[in-house]
């Protein structure tokens, strides 16, 4: 995978979501991160504008064409139809709170740098590929950031959806580099609560049943 990373920005030049998108910048690292391309986007996606699903799909199609061989896209939130369309096109869709060059470095390290998986597995032989119990009270944990380094072929859905859909739990704590785009809608559908904190480039997600907190 090449090292190009696209980021959604609003009119104030801050990283944003598809409801407030004004432009997309494509970054690539030479000695430092440089803007390789910038184009206007989102006129059919902005909040408050009533548009059909076909118009949104067409706007997403234009974005895909503009991005060319860039297949990584970051925003503060990527959900709904834009997520479905871009995910189907094979994009890596990531979420973060604010834009920094450190964020680009982290995404590049996670998604673009080829790793010697055999060496990593020898150093870290016992990395769980699914949430595991911390106690007998139904509290579980998964370091998905570490799992991705050792087993990059394991997606967040593969690691988490079977557990979240079928297991009984009080809480689950997940360490990751970004909040999974599909998680927000899943949480709402299952009537769960979740909170996110970010520290040292990693996000900590805690998911609980609402009855556990109320």
N, C-alpha and C. Protein backbone atom coordinates (compact mmCIF):
# COMPACT_ATOMS: atom_id res chain seq x y z
N UNK A 1 0.84 -1.20 0.00
CA UNK A 1 0.00 0.00 0.00
C UNK A 1 0.88 1.24 0.00
N UNK A 2 0.52 2.24 -0.85
CA UNK A 2 1.31 3.47 -0.87
C UNK A 2 1.03 4.28 0.40
N UNK A 3 1.79 5.36 0.57
CA UNK A 3 1.70 6.12 1.80
C UNK A 3 0.78 7.32 1.75
N UNK A 4 -0.16 7.35 0.82
CA UNK A 4 -1.06 8.49 0.70
C UNK A 4 -2.23 8.36 1.69
N UNK A 5 -2.54 9.47 2.35
CA UNK A 5 -3.61 9.50 3.34
C UNK A 5 -4.48 10.72 3.09
N UNK A 6 -5.79 10.51 2.92
CA UNK A 6 -6.72 11.61 2.68
C UNK A 6 -7.43 11.98 3.98
N UNK A 7 -7.71 13.28 4.14
CA UNK A 7 -8.33 13.78 5.37
C UNK A 7 -9.48 14.73 5.01
N UNK A 8 -10.61 14.59 5.72
CA UNK A 8 -11.76 15.47 5.52
C UNK A 8 -11.56 16.77 6.30
N UNK A 9 -11.81 17.92 5.66
CA UNK A 9 -11.70 19.22 6.33
C UNK A 9 -12.97 20.03 6.09
N UNK A 10 -13.30 20.92 7.06
CA UNK A 10 -14.44 21.81 6.90
C UNK A 10 -13.97 23.18 6.39
N UNK A 11 -14.89 24.15 6.38
CA UNK A 11 -14.56 25.48 5.89
C UNK A 11 -13.51 26.17 6.75
N UNK A 12 -13.44 25.80 8.04
CA UNK A 12 -12.47 26.40 8.95
C UNK A 12 -11.13 25.67 8.93
N UNK A 13 -10.99 24.75 7.99
CA UNK A 13 -9.75 24.00 7.82
C UNK A 13 -9.45 23.10 9.02
N UNK A 14 -10.51 22.60 9.65
CA UNK A 14 -10.37 21.64 10.73
C UNK A 14 -10.91 20.29 10.26
N UNK A 15 -10.31 19.22 10.77
CA UNK A 15 -10.78 17.89 10.38
C UNK A 15 -12.24 17.73 10.79
N UNK A 16 -13.04 17.08 9.94
CA UNK A 16 -14.47 17.07 10.16
C UNK A 16 -15.08 15.75 9.71
N UNK A 17 -16.42 15.70 9.70
CA UNK A 17 -17.15 14.52 9.22
C UNK A 17 -17.79 14.84 7.88
N UNK A 18 -18.55 13.89 7.34
CA UNK A 18 -19.15 14.09 6.02
C UNK A 18 -20.29 15.11 6.04
N UNK A 19 -20.85 15.39 7.21
CA UNK A 19 -21.94 16.36 7.29
C UNK A 19 -21.45 17.80 7.18
N UNK A 20 -20.16 18.01 7.42
CA UNK A 20 -19.60 19.37 7.40
C UNK A 20 -18.41 19.49 6.45
N UNK A 21 -18.24 18.52 5.59
CA UNK A 21 -17.08 18.49 4.71
C UNK A 21 -17.11 19.64 3.70
N UNK A 22 -15.95 20.26 3.48
CA UNK A 22 -15.81 21.29 2.45
C UNK A 22 -14.73 20.91 1.44
N UNK A 23 -13.71 20.20 1.92
CA UNK A 23 -12.61 19.82 1.03
C UNK A 23 -11.91 18.59 1.58
N UNK A 24 -11.15 17.97 0.72
CA UNK A 24 -10.35 16.81 1.10
C UNK A 24 -8.90 17.08 0.69
N UNK A 25 -7.99 16.82 1.62
CA UNK A 25 -6.57 16.97 1.34
C UNK A 25 -5.92 15.60 1.36
N UNK A 26 -5.05 15.36 0.39
CA UNK A 26 -4.32 14.10 0.31
C UNK A 26 -2.87 14.37 0.69
N UNK A 27 -2.41 13.68 1.73
CA UNK A 27 -1.06 13.87 2.25
C UNK A 27 -0.17 12.70 1.85
N UNK A 28 1.10 13.01 1.64
CA UNK A 28 2.10 11.97 1.39
C UNK A 28 3.41 12.44 2.01
N UNK A 29 4.15 11.50 2.57
CA UNK A 29 5.37 11.85 3.29
C UNK A 29 6.59 11.70 2.39
N UNK A 30 7.31 12.80 2.25
CA UNK A 30 8.63 12.77 1.63
C UNK A 30 9.62 12.81 2.80
N UNK A 31 10.23 13.95 3.04
CA UNK A 31 10.95 14.14 4.30
C UNK A 31 9.95 14.48 5.41
N UNK A 32 8.98 15.31 5.05
CA UNK A 32 7.89 15.68 5.95
C UNK A 32 6.58 15.41 5.22
N UNK A 33 5.47 15.50 5.95
CA UNK A 33 4.17 15.32 5.32
C UNK A 33 3.85 16.53 4.44
N UNK A 34 3.46 16.26 3.20
CA UNK A 34 3.14 17.32 2.25
C UNK A 34 1.76 17.07 1.65
N UNK A 35 1.07 18.16 1.31
CA UNK A 35 -0.22 18.05 0.64
C UNK A 35 0.03 17.81 -0.85
N UNK A 36 -0.34 16.63 -1.31
CA UNK A 36 -0.13 16.27 -2.71
C UNK A 36 -1.32 16.64 -3.58
N UNK A 37 -2.49 16.75 -2.94
CA UNK A 37 -3.68 17.11 -3.71
C UNK A 37 -4.71 17.68 -2.75
N UNK A 38 -5.49 18.64 -3.25
CA UNK A 38 -6.58 19.22 -2.46
C UNK A 38 -7.74 19.52 -3.41
N UNK A 39 -8.94 19.10 -3.03
CA UNK A 39 -10.09 19.36 -3.90
C UNK A 39 -11.35 19.59 -3.07
N UNK A 40 -12.27 20.35 -3.64
CA UNK A 40 -13.54 20.64 -2.98
C UNK A 40 -14.42 19.40 -2.99
N UNK A 41 -15.19 19.23 -1.93
CA UNK A 41 -16.05 18.05 -1.83
C UNK A 41 -17.17 18.34 -0.85
N UNK A 42 -18.26 17.57 -0.98
CA UNK A 42 -19.27 17.58 0.05
C UNK A 42 -20.46 18.48 -0.15
N UNK A 43 -20.61 19.12 -1.31
CA UNK A 43 -21.75 20.01 -1.50
C UNK A 43 -23.07 19.27 -1.38
N UNK A 44 -23.08 17.98 -1.70
CA UNK A 44 -24.31 17.19 -1.61
C UNK A 44 -24.41 16.42 -0.30
N UNK A 45 -23.43 16.60 0.59
CA UNK A 45 -23.41 15.82 1.82
C UNK A 45 -23.59 16.67 3.06
N UNK A 46 -23.56 18.00 2.91
CA UNK A 46 -23.53 18.86 4.07
C UNK A 46 -24.83 18.84 4.86
N UNK A 47 -24.69 19.05 6.15
CA UNK A 47 -25.81 19.00 7.08
C UNK A 47 -26.87 20.02 6.70
N UNK A 48 -28.13 19.60 6.74
CA UNK A 48 -29.22 20.51 6.47
C UNK A 48 -29.66 20.52 5.02
N UNK A 49 -28.90 19.89 4.14
CA UNK A 49 -29.26 19.84 2.73
C UNK A 49 -29.96 18.51 2.45
N UNK A 50 -31.20 18.59 1.97
CA UNK A 50 -31.97 17.38 1.69
C UNK A 50 -31.56 16.84 0.32
N UNK A 51 -30.96 15.67 0.31
CA UNK A 51 -30.53 15.07 -0.94
C UNK A 51 -30.94 13.60 -0.96
N UNK A 52 -31.03 13.07 -2.15
CA UNK A 52 -31.39 11.67 -2.31
C UNK A 52 -30.17 10.78 -2.10
N UNK A 53 -30.43 9.51 -1.87
CA UNK A 53 -29.32 8.57 -1.71
C UNK A 53 -28.51 8.47 -2.99
N UNK A 54 -29.17 8.62 -4.13
CA UNK A 54 -28.44 8.56 -5.40
C UNK A 54 -27.47 9.73 -5.53
N UNK A 55 -27.87 10.91 -5.02
CA UNK A 55 -26.98 12.08 -5.07
C UNK A 55 -25.77 11.87 -4.16
N UNK A 56 -26.00 11.27 -2.99
CA UNK A 56 -24.90 10.99 -2.07
C UNK A 56 -23.94 9.98 -2.69
N UNK A 57 -24.51 8.95 -3.31
CA UNK A 57 -23.66 7.95 -3.98
C UNK A 57 -22.84 8.59 -5.09
N UNK A 58 -23.44 9.51 -5.82
CA UNK A 58 -22.73 10.17 -6.91
C UNK A 58 -21.60 11.04 -6.37
N UNK A 59 -21.86 11.73 -5.25
CA UNK A 59 -20.82 12.54 -4.63
C UNK A 59 -19.67 11.66 -4.16
N UNK A 60 -20.00 10.52 -3.55
CA UNK A 60 -18.96 9.59 -3.09
C UNK A 60 -18.17 9.04 -4.27
N UNK A 61 -18.85 8.80 -5.38
CA UNK A 61 -18.18 8.32 -6.59
C UNK A 61 -17.15 9.34 -7.07
N UNK A 62 -17.52 10.62 -7.03
CA UNK A 62 -16.60 11.68 -7.45
C UNK A 62 -15.39 11.73 -6.52
N UNK A 63 -15.64 11.54 -5.22
CA UNK A 63 -14.54 11.53 -4.26
C UNK A 63 -13.58 10.39 -4.55
N UNK A 64 -14.13 9.21 -4.83
CA UNK A 64 -13.30 8.04 -5.16
C UNK A 64 -12.44 8.33 -6.38
N UNK A 65 -13.04 8.94 -7.40
CA UNK A 65 -12.29 9.26 -8.62
C UNK A 65 -11.18 10.27 -8.34
N UNK A 66 -11.47 11.27 -7.52
CA UNK A 66 -10.46 12.28 -7.19
C UNK A 66 -9.31 11.69 -6.38
N UNK A 67 -9.62 10.74 -5.51
CA UNK A 67 -8.59 10.16 -4.64
C UNK A 67 -7.65 9.23 -5.40
N UNK A 68 -8.10 8.68 -6.51
CA UNK A 68 -7.22 7.84 -7.32
C UNK A 68 -6.69 6.65 -6.55
N UNK A 69 -5.35 6.58 -6.40
CA UNK A 69 -4.74 5.43 -5.74
C UNK A 69 -4.60 5.61 -4.23
N UNK A 70 -5.20 6.64 -3.68
CA UNK A 70 -5.22 6.83 -2.22
C UNK A 70 -6.41 6.06 -1.66
N UNK A 71 -6.16 5.15 -0.74
CA UNK A 71 -7.24 4.29 -0.23
C UNK A 71 -7.43 4.40 1.28
N UNK A 72 -6.85 5.43 1.90
CA UNK A 72 -7.02 5.66 3.34
C UNK A 72 -7.69 7.01 3.53
N UNK A 73 -8.77 7.05 4.30
CA UNK A 73 -9.52 8.28 4.50
C UNK A 73 -9.80 8.46 5.99
N UNK A 74 -9.50 9.65 6.51
CA UNK A 74 -9.69 9.94 7.93
C UNK A 74 -10.67 11.09 8.10
N UNK A 75 -11.57 10.96 9.07
CA UNK A 75 -12.47 12.04 9.44
C UNK A 75 -12.81 11.92 10.91
N UNK A 76 -13.53 12.91 11.44
CA UNK A 76 -13.93 12.81 12.84
C UNK A 76 -15.03 11.77 13.01
N UNK A 77 -15.82 11.54 11.95
CA UNK A 77 -16.83 10.49 11.97
C UNK A 77 -17.16 10.12 10.53
N UNK A 78 -17.17 8.83 10.24
CA UNK A 78 -17.51 8.35 8.91
C UNK A 78 -18.54 7.24 9.08
N UNK A 79 -19.81 7.58 8.87
CA UNK A 79 -20.89 6.64 9.10
C UNK A 79 -21.90 6.73 7.95
N UNK A 80 -22.97 5.96 8.09
CA UNK A 80 -24.08 6.05 7.15
C UNK A 80 -23.72 5.61 5.75
N UNK A 81 -24.40 6.22 4.78
CA UNK A 81 -24.22 5.84 3.38
C UNK A 81 -22.80 6.11 2.87
N UNK A 82 -22.16 7.24 3.21
CA UNK A 82 -20.77 7.42 2.77
C UNK A 82 -19.86 6.29 3.23
N UNK A 83 -20.04 5.85 4.48
CA UNK A 83 -19.24 4.73 4.97
C UNK A 83 -19.51 3.47 4.14
N UNK A 84 -20.78 3.17 3.90
CA UNK A 84 -21.13 1.96 3.16
C UNK A 84 -20.53 1.97 1.76
N UNK A 85 -20.64 3.12 1.08
CA UNK A 85 -20.13 3.21 -0.29
C UNK A 85 -18.61 3.09 -0.33
N UNK A 86 -17.93 3.83 0.54
CA UNK A 86 -16.47 3.84 0.51
C UNK A 86 -15.89 2.53 1.05
N UNK A 87 -16.55 1.95 2.04
CA UNK A 87 -16.10 0.66 2.56
C UNK A 87 -16.20 -0.41 1.49
N UNK A 88 -17.27 -0.37 0.71
CA UNK A 88 -17.46 -1.34 -0.38
C UNK A 88 -16.39 -1.16 -1.45
N UNK A 89 -15.89 0.06 -1.60
CA UNK A 89 -14.84 0.34 -2.58
C UNK A 89 -13.46 -0.06 -2.07
N UNK A 90 -13.39 -0.56 -0.84
CA UNK A 90 -12.12 -1.04 -0.31
C UNK A 90 -11.30 -0.02 0.45
N UNK A 91 -11.91 1.12 0.80
CA UNK A 91 -11.18 2.14 1.54
C UNK A 91 -10.97 1.72 2.99
N UNK A 92 -9.84 2.13 3.55
CA UNK A 92 -9.61 2.03 4.99
C UNK A 92 -10.13 3.33 5.59
N UNK A 93 -11.19 3.24 6.38
CA UNK A 93 -11.87 4.42 6.92
C UNK A 93 -11.57 4.53 8.41
N UNK A 94 -10.98 5.64 8.80
CA UNK A 94 -10.53 5.82 10.18
C UNK A 94 -11.15 7.07 10.78
N UNK A 95 -11.28 7.07 12.10
CA UNK A 95 -11.83 8.22 12.82
C UNK A 95 -10.86 8.70 13.88
N UNK A 96 -10.78 10.01 14.04
CA UNK A 96 -9.95 10.62 15.08
C UNK A 96 -10.58 11.96 15.45
N UNK A 97 -10.18 12.49 16.60
CA UNK A 97 -10.80 13.72 17.08
C UNK A 97 -10.23 14.96 16.41
N UNK A 98 -8.91 15.02 16.27
CA UNK A 98 -8.26 16.20 15.71
C UNK A 98 -7.16 15.78 14.74
N UNK A 99 -6.83 16.69 13.84
CA UNK A 99 -5.79 16.41 12.85
C UNK A 99 -4.43 16.89 13.35
N UNK A 100 -3.45 15.99 13.30
CA UNK A 100 -2.06 16.33 13.59
C UNK A 100 -1.17 15.50 12.68
N UNK A 101 0.06 15.93 12.52
CA UNK A 101 1.00 15.12 11.75
C UNK A 101 1.32 13.83 12.50
N UNK A 102 1.20 13.87 13.83
CA UNK A 102 1.40 12.63 14.61
C UNK A 102 0.33 11.61 14.26
N UNK A 103 -0.89 12.07 13.99
CA UNK A 103 -1.95 11.17 13.56
C UNK A 103 -1.58 10.52 12.23
N UNK A 104 -1.07 11.31 11.30
CA UNK A 104 -0.65 10.76 10.01
C UNK A 104 0.46 9.73 10.20
N UNK A 105 1.40 10.03 11.10
CA UNK A 105 2.48 9.08 11.37
C UNK A 105 1.93 7.76 11.90
N UNK A 106 0.95 7.85 12.82
CA UNK A 106 0.38 6.65 13.42
C UNK A 106 -0.37 5.81 12.38
N UNK A 107 -1.16 6.49 11.56
CA UNK A 107 -1.92 5.78 10.52
C UNK A 107 -0.97 5.15 9.51
N UNK A 108 0.07 5.88 9.15
CA UNK A 108 1.07 5.34 8.22
C UNK A 108 1.72 4.09 8.79
N UNK A 109 2.08 4.14 10.06
CA UNK A 109 2.72 3.00 10.71
C UNK A 109 1.77 1.81 10.76
N UNK A 110 0.49 2.07 11.06
CA UNK A 110 -0.48 0.98 11.21
C UNK A 110 -0.89 0.38 9.87
N UNK A 111 -1.01 1.22 8.85
CA UNK A 111 -1.65 0.78 7.61
C UNK A 111 -0.71 0.62 6.41
N UNK A 112 0.41 1.30 6.43
CA UNK A 112 1.24 1.36 5.22
C UNK A 112 2.58 0.64 5.35
N UNK A 113 3.10 0.53 6.56
CA UNK A 113 4.41 -0.07 6.74
C UNK A 113 4.28 -1.58 6.83
N UNK A 114 4.96 -2.28 5.94
CA UNK A 114 4.94 -3.73 5.97
C UNK A 114 5.78 -4.22 7.16
N UNK A 115 5.21 -5.17 7.87
CA UNK A 115 5.89 -5.69 9.05
C UNK A 115 6.22 -7.16 8.86
N UNK A 116 7.29 -7.58 9.50
CA UNK A 116 7.67 -8.99 9.49
C UNK A 116 6.84 -9.69 10.56
N UNK A 117 5.70 -10.24 10.15
CA UNK A 117 4.78 -10.82 11.12
C UNK A 117 5.38 -12.00 11.87
N UNK A 118 6.28 -12.74 11.22
CA UNK A 118 6.86 -13.90 11.89
C UNK A 118 7.69 -13.47 13.08
N UNK A 119 8.49 -12.42 12.88
CA UNK A 119 9.32 -11.92 13.98
C UNK A 119 8.45 -11.40 15.10
N UNK A 120 7.42 -10.63 14.75
CA UNK A 120 6.54 -10.07 15.78
C UNK A 120 5.85 -11.17 16.56
N UNK A 121 5.39 -12.20 15.87
CA UNK A 121 4.71 -13.29 16.54
C UNK A 121 5.65 -14.04 17.47
N UNK A 122 6.92 -14.15 17.11
CA UNK A 122 7.87 -14.80 18.00
C UNK A 122 8.07 -13.98 19.27
N UNK A 123 8.06 -12.65 19.13
CA UNK A 123 8.24 -11.79 20.29
C UNK A 123 6.97 -11.74 21.14
N UNK A 124 5.81 -11.79 20.50
CA UNK A 124 4.53 -11.70 21.20
C UNK A 124 3.65 -12.89 20.80
N UNK A 125 3.93 -14.07 21.34
CA UNK A 125 3.26 -15.28 20.87
C UNK A 125 1.82 -15.43 21.34
N UNK A 126 1.44 -14.76 22.41
CA UNK A 126 0.13 -15.00 23.01
C UNK A 126 -0.75 -13.76 22.98
N UNK A 127 -1.05 -13.28 21.79
CA UNK A 127 -1.92 -12.12 21.64
C UNK A 127 -3.34 -12.60 21.36
N UNK A 128 -4.29 -12.36 22.25
CA UNK A 128 -5.67 -12.82 22.04
C UNK A 128 -6.27 -12.21 20.79
N UNK A 129 -7.03 -13.00 20.06
CA UNK A 129 -7.70 -12.52 18.85
C UNK A 129 -9.17 -12.20 19.10
N UNK A 130 -9.61 -12.30 20.34
CA UNK A 130 -10.99 -11.98 20.72
C UNK A 130 -10.98 -11.48 22.16
N UNK A 131 -12.01 -10.76 22.58
CA UNK A 131 -12.07 -10.28 23.96
C UNK A 131 -11.97 -11.44 24.96
N UNK A 132 -11.26 -11.21 26.05
CA UNK A 132 -11.10 -12.25 27.07
C UNK A 132 -11.49 -11.68 28.44
N UNK A 133 -11.94 -12.55 29.35
CA UNK A 133 -12.45 -12.07 30.65
C UNK A 133 -11.34 -11.56 31.56
N UNK A 134 -11.64 -10.48 32.26
CA UNK A 134 -10.73 -9.94 33.27
C UNK A 134 -11.05 -10.48 34.66
N UNK A 135 -12.31 -10.91 34.84
CA UNK A 135 -12.75 -11.39 36.15
C UNK A 135 -13.95 -12.30 35.94
N UNK A 136 -14.64 -12.61 37.03
CA UNK A 136 -15.82 -13.47 36.95
C UNK A 136 -17.11 -12.66 36.97
N UNK A 137 -17.00 -11.35 36.85
CA UNK A 137 -18.18 -10.48 36.88
C UNK A 137 -18.64 -10.04 35.49
N UNK A 138 -18.03 -10.60 34.46
CA UNK A 138 -18.47 -10.28 33.10
C UNK A 138 -17.76 -9.10 32.47
N UNK A 139 -16.58 -8.75 32.95
CA UNK A 139 -15.80 -7.66 32.38
C UNK A 139 -14.71 -8.24 31.47
N UNK A 140 -14.66 -7.73 30.24
CA UNK A 140 -13.77 -8.28 29.22
C UNK A 140 -12.81 -7.21 28.71
N UNK A 141 -11.77 -7.66 28.00
CA UNK A 141 -10.74 -6.74 27.51
C UNK A 141 -10.18 -7.26 26.18
N UNK A 142 -9.83 -6.31 25.30
CA UNK A 142 -9.12 -6.66 24.07
C UNK A 142 -8.21 -5.51 23.67
N UNK A 143 -6.93 -5.81 23.49
CA UNK A 143 -5.98 -4.83 22.97
C UNK A 143 -5.95 -5.00 21.45
N UNK A 144 -6.88 -4.32 20.77
CA UNK A 144 -6.99 -4.47 19.33
C UNK A 144 -5.82 -3.81 18.60
N UNK A 145 -5.24 -2.77 19.19
CA UNK A 145 -4.08 -2.12 18.59
C UNK A 145 -2.92 -3.10 18.49
N UNK A 146 -2.69 -3.85 19.55
CA UNK A 146 -1.63 -4.86 19.54
C UNK A 146 -1.98 -6.01 18.61
N UNK A 147 -3.24 -6.41 18.63
CA UNK A 147 -3.69 -7.50 17.75
C UNK A 147 -3.43 -7.16 16.29
N UNK A 148 -3.69 -5.91 15.89
CA UNK A 148 -3.47 -5.52 14.50
C UNK A 148 -2.00 -5.58 14.11
N UNK A 149 -1.13 -5.29 15.06
CA UNK A 149 0.31 -5.36 14.75
C UNK A 149 0.76 -6.79 14.52
N UNK A 150 0.21 -7.71 15.30
CA UNK A 150 0.63 -9.10 15.20
C UNK A 150 -0.14 -9.85 14.12
N UNK A 151 -1.44 -9.54 14.02
CA UNK A 151 -2.30 -10.21 13.03
C UNK A 151 -3.05 -9.15 12.22
N UNK A 152 -2.38 -8.48 11.29
CA UNK A 152 -3.04 -7.41 10.53
C UNK A 152 -4.21 -7.89 9.68
N UNK A 153 -4.29 -9.19 9.46
CA UNK A 153 -5.40 -9.73 8.67
C UNK A 153 -6.70 -9.78 9.46
N UNK A 154 -6.64 -9.63 10.78
CA UNK A 154 -7.84 -9.67 11.62
C UNK A 154 -8.47 -8.28 11.68
N UNK A 155 -9.65 -8.13 11.10
CA UNK A 155 -10.34 -6.84 11.11
C UNK A 155 -11.05 -6.63 12.44
N UNK A 156 -11.46 -5.39 12.68
CA UNK A 156 -12.17 -5.09 13.92
C UNK A 156 -13.51 -5.83 13.98
N UNK A 157 -14.18 -5.95 12.84
CA UNK A 157 -15.45 -6.68 12.83
C UNK A 157 -15.24 -8.16 13.14
N UNK A 158 -14.19 -8.72 12.59
CA UNK A 158 -13.91 -10.14 12.83
C UNK A 158 -13.57 -10.39 14.30
N UNK A 159 -12.87 -9.45 14.91
CA UNK A 159 -12.45 -9.63 16.30
C UNK A 159 -13.56 -9.35 17.29
N UNK A 160 -14.46 -8.41 16.95
CA UNK A 160 -15.40 -7.92 17.96
C UNK A 160 -16.86 -8.30 17.73
N UNK A 161 -17.30 -8.35 16.48
CA UNK A 161 -18.73 -8.57 16.24
C UNK A 161 -19.26 -9.89 16.79
N UNK A 162 -18.56 -11.02 16.63
CA UNK A 162 -19.08 -12.26 17.22
C UNK A 162 -19.27 -12.15 18.73
N UNK A 163 -18.32 -11.51 19.39
CA UNK A 163 -18.43 -11.34 20.84
C UNK A 163 -19.60 -10.42 21.20
N UNK A 164 -19.65 -9.24 20.58
CA UNK A 164 -20.69 -8.27 20.92
C UNK A 164 -22.09 -8.77 20.59
N UNK A 165 -22.18 -9.63 19.58
CA UNK A 165 -23.49 -10.11 19.14
C UNK A 165 -23.99 -11.31 19.94
N UNK A 166 -23.06 -12.08 20.51
CA UNK A 166 -23.47 -13.36 21.08
C UNK A 166 -23.13 -13.57 22.56
N UNK A 167 -22.20 -12.80 23.10
CA UNK A 167 -21.75 -13.05 24.46
C UNK A 167 -22.47 -12.16 25.47
N UNK A 168 -22.65 -12.69 26.68
CA UNK A 168 -23.16 -11.89 27.79
C UNK A 168 -21.98 -11.22 28.49
N UNK A 169 -22.10 -9.92 28.74
CA UNK A 169 -21.00 -9.22 29.39
C UNK A 169 -21.53 -8.01 30.15
N UNK A 170 -20.78 -7.61 31.16
CA UNK A 170 -21.06 -6.38 31.89
C UNK A 170 -20.40 -5.19 31.19
N UNK A 171 -19.13 -5.39 30.83
CA UNK A 171 -18.40 -4.33 30.13
C UNK A 171 -17.29 -4.96 29.30
N UNK A 172 -16.87 -4.23 28.28
CA UNK A 172 -15.70 -4.63 27.50
C UNK A 172 -14.86 -3.38 27.24
N UNK A 173 -13.57 -3.48 27.51
CA UNK A 173 -12.63 -2.40 27.27
C UNK A 173 -11.78 -2.76 26.05
N UNK A 174 -11.70 -1.83 25.10
CA UNK A 174 -10.97 -2.07 23.85
C UNK A 174 -9.92 -0.98 23.68
N UNK A 175 -8.69 -1.39 23.45
CA UNK A 175 -7.61 -0.46 23.12
C UNK A 175 -7.43 -0.48 21.60
N UNK A 176 -7.43 0.70 20.97
CA UNK A 176 -7.33 0.75 19.51
C UNK A 176 -6.70 2.07 19.08
N UNK A 177 -6.31 2.14 17.82
CA UNK A 177 -5.70 3.37 17.30
C UNK A 177 -6.75 4.38 16.88
N UNK A 178 -7.98 3.92 16.63
CA UNK A 178 -9.07 4.80 16.22
C UNK A 178 -10.39 4.11 16.53
N UNK A 179 -11.44 4.89 16.62
CA UNK A 179 -12.77 4.33 16.84
C UNK A 179 -13.29 3.74 15.53
N UNK A 180 -13.71 2.49 15.56
CA UNK A 180 -14.18 1.83 14.36
C UNK A 180 -15.43 2.53 13.81
N UNK A 181 -15.48 2.83 12.52
CA UNK A 181 -16.62 3.57 11.97
C UNK A 181 -17.96 2.87 12.15
N UNK A 182 -17.98 1.55 12.18
CA UNK A 182 -19.24 0.81 12.29
C UNK A 182 -19.76 0.74 13.72
N UNK A 183 -18.92 1.09 14.70
CA UNK A 183 -19.26 0.83 16.10
C UNK A 183 -20.41 1.70 16.59
N UNK A 184 -20.46 2.95 16.17
CA UNK A 184 -21.47 3.88 16.68
C UNK A 184 -22.88 3.39 16.36
N UNK A 185 -23.13 3.00 15.11
CA UNK A 185 -24.46 2.53 14.74
C UNK A 185 -24.78 1.20 15.42
N UNK A 186 -23.79 0.34 15.60
CA UNK A 186 -24.01 -0.93 16.28
C UNK A 186 -24.41 -0.70 17.73
N UNK A 187 -23.73 0.23 18.39
CA UNK A 187 -24.04 0.55 19.79
C UNK A 187 -25.48 1.04 19.93
N UNK A 188 -25.91 1.90 19.01
CA UNK A 188 -27.27 2.43 19.06
C UNK A 188 -28.29 1.32 18.84
N UNK A 189 -28.02 0.44 17.88
CA UNK A 189 -28.95 -0.64 17.58
C UNK A 189 -29.11 -1.59 18.76
N UNK A 190 -28.04 -1.83 19.50
CA UNK A 190 -28.06 -2.79 20.61
C UNK A 190 -28.37 -2.13 21.95
N UNK A 191 -28.67 -0.82 21.94
CA UNK A 191 -29.03 -0.11 23.17
C UNK A 191 -27.92 -0.22 24.22
N UNK A 192 -26.69 0.01 23.78
CA UNK A 192 -25.54 -0.04 24.67
C UNK A 192 -25.03 1.38 24.92
N UNK A 193 -24.18 1.52 25.92
CA UNK A 193 -23.47 2.77 26.18
C UNK A 193 -22.00 2.57 25.88
N UNK A 194 -21.34 3.62 25.39
CA UNK A 194 -19.89 3.53 25.28
C UNK A 194 -19.26 4.89 25.48
N UNK A 195 -18.05 4.87 25.98
CA UNK A 195 -17.29 6.10 26.19
C UNK A 195 -15.89 5.91 25.62
N UNK A 196 -15.31 7.01 25.17
CA UNK A 196 -14.00 6.95 24.52
C UNK A 196 -13.08 7.97 25.16
N UNK A 197 -11.89 7.54 25.50
CA UNK A 197 -10.83 8.45 25.93
C UNK A 197 -9.62 8.20 25.04
N UNK A 198 -8.80 9.23 24.89
CA UNK A 198 -7.63 9.09 24.02
C UNK A 198 -6.39 9.56 24.76
N UNK A 199 -5.33 8.76 24.69
CA UNK A 199 -4.10 9.09 25.39
C UNK A 199 -2.92 8.44 24.67
N UNK A 200 -1.88 9.23 24.46
CA UNK A 200 -0.65 8.74 23.83
C UNK A 200 -0.91 8.06 22.49
N UNK A 201 -1.83 8.64 21.71
CA UNK A 201 -2.09 8.13 20.37
C UNK A 201 -2.99 6.93 20.30
N UNK A 202 -3.52 6.48 21.44
CA UNK A 202 -4.41 5.32 21.46
C UNK A 202 -5.76 5.69 22.06
N UNK A 203 -6.80 5.06 21.55
CA UNK A 203 -8.15 5.25 22.09
C UNK A 203 -8.51 4.09 22.99
N UNK A 204 -9.16 4.39 24.10
CA UNK A 204 -9.71 3.37 24.99
C UNK A 204 -11.23 3.46 24.94
N UNK A 205 -11.86 2.40 24.47
CA UNK A 205 -13.31 2.35 24.36
C UNK A 205 -13.85 1.42 25.44
N UNK A 206 -14.82 1.90 26.20
CA UNK A 206 -15.48 1.06 27.20
C UNK A 206 -16.96 0.96 26.82
N UNK A 207 -17.41 -0.26 26.59
CA UNK A 207 -18.80 -0.52 26.20
C UNK A 207 -19.50 -1.21 27.37
N UNK A 208 -20.68 -0.70 27.71
CA UNK A 208 -21.47 -1.30 28.79
C UNK A 208 -22.93 -1.39 28.36
N UNK A 209 -23.63 -2.33 28.95
CA UNK A 209 -25.08 -2.33 28.82
C UNK A 209 -25.63 -1.17 29.64
N UNK A 210 -26.67 -0.52 29.15
CA UNK A 210 -27.21 0.64 29.85
C UNK A 210 -27.64 0.29 31.26
N UNK A 211 -28.14 -0.90 31.47
CA UNK A 211 -28.59 -1.32 32.79
C UNK A 211 -27.45 -1.41 33.79
N UNK A 212 -26.20 -1.52 33.26
CA UNK A 212 -25.04 -1.62 34.14
C UNK A 212 -24.66 -0.27 34.73
N UNK A 213 -25.17 0.80 34.13
CA UNK A 213 -24.78 2.13 34.60
C UNK A 213 -25.95 2.88 35.20
N UNK A 214 -27.16 2.45 34.89
CA UNK A 214 -28.33 3.18 35.35
C UNK A 214 -28.90 2.54 36.61
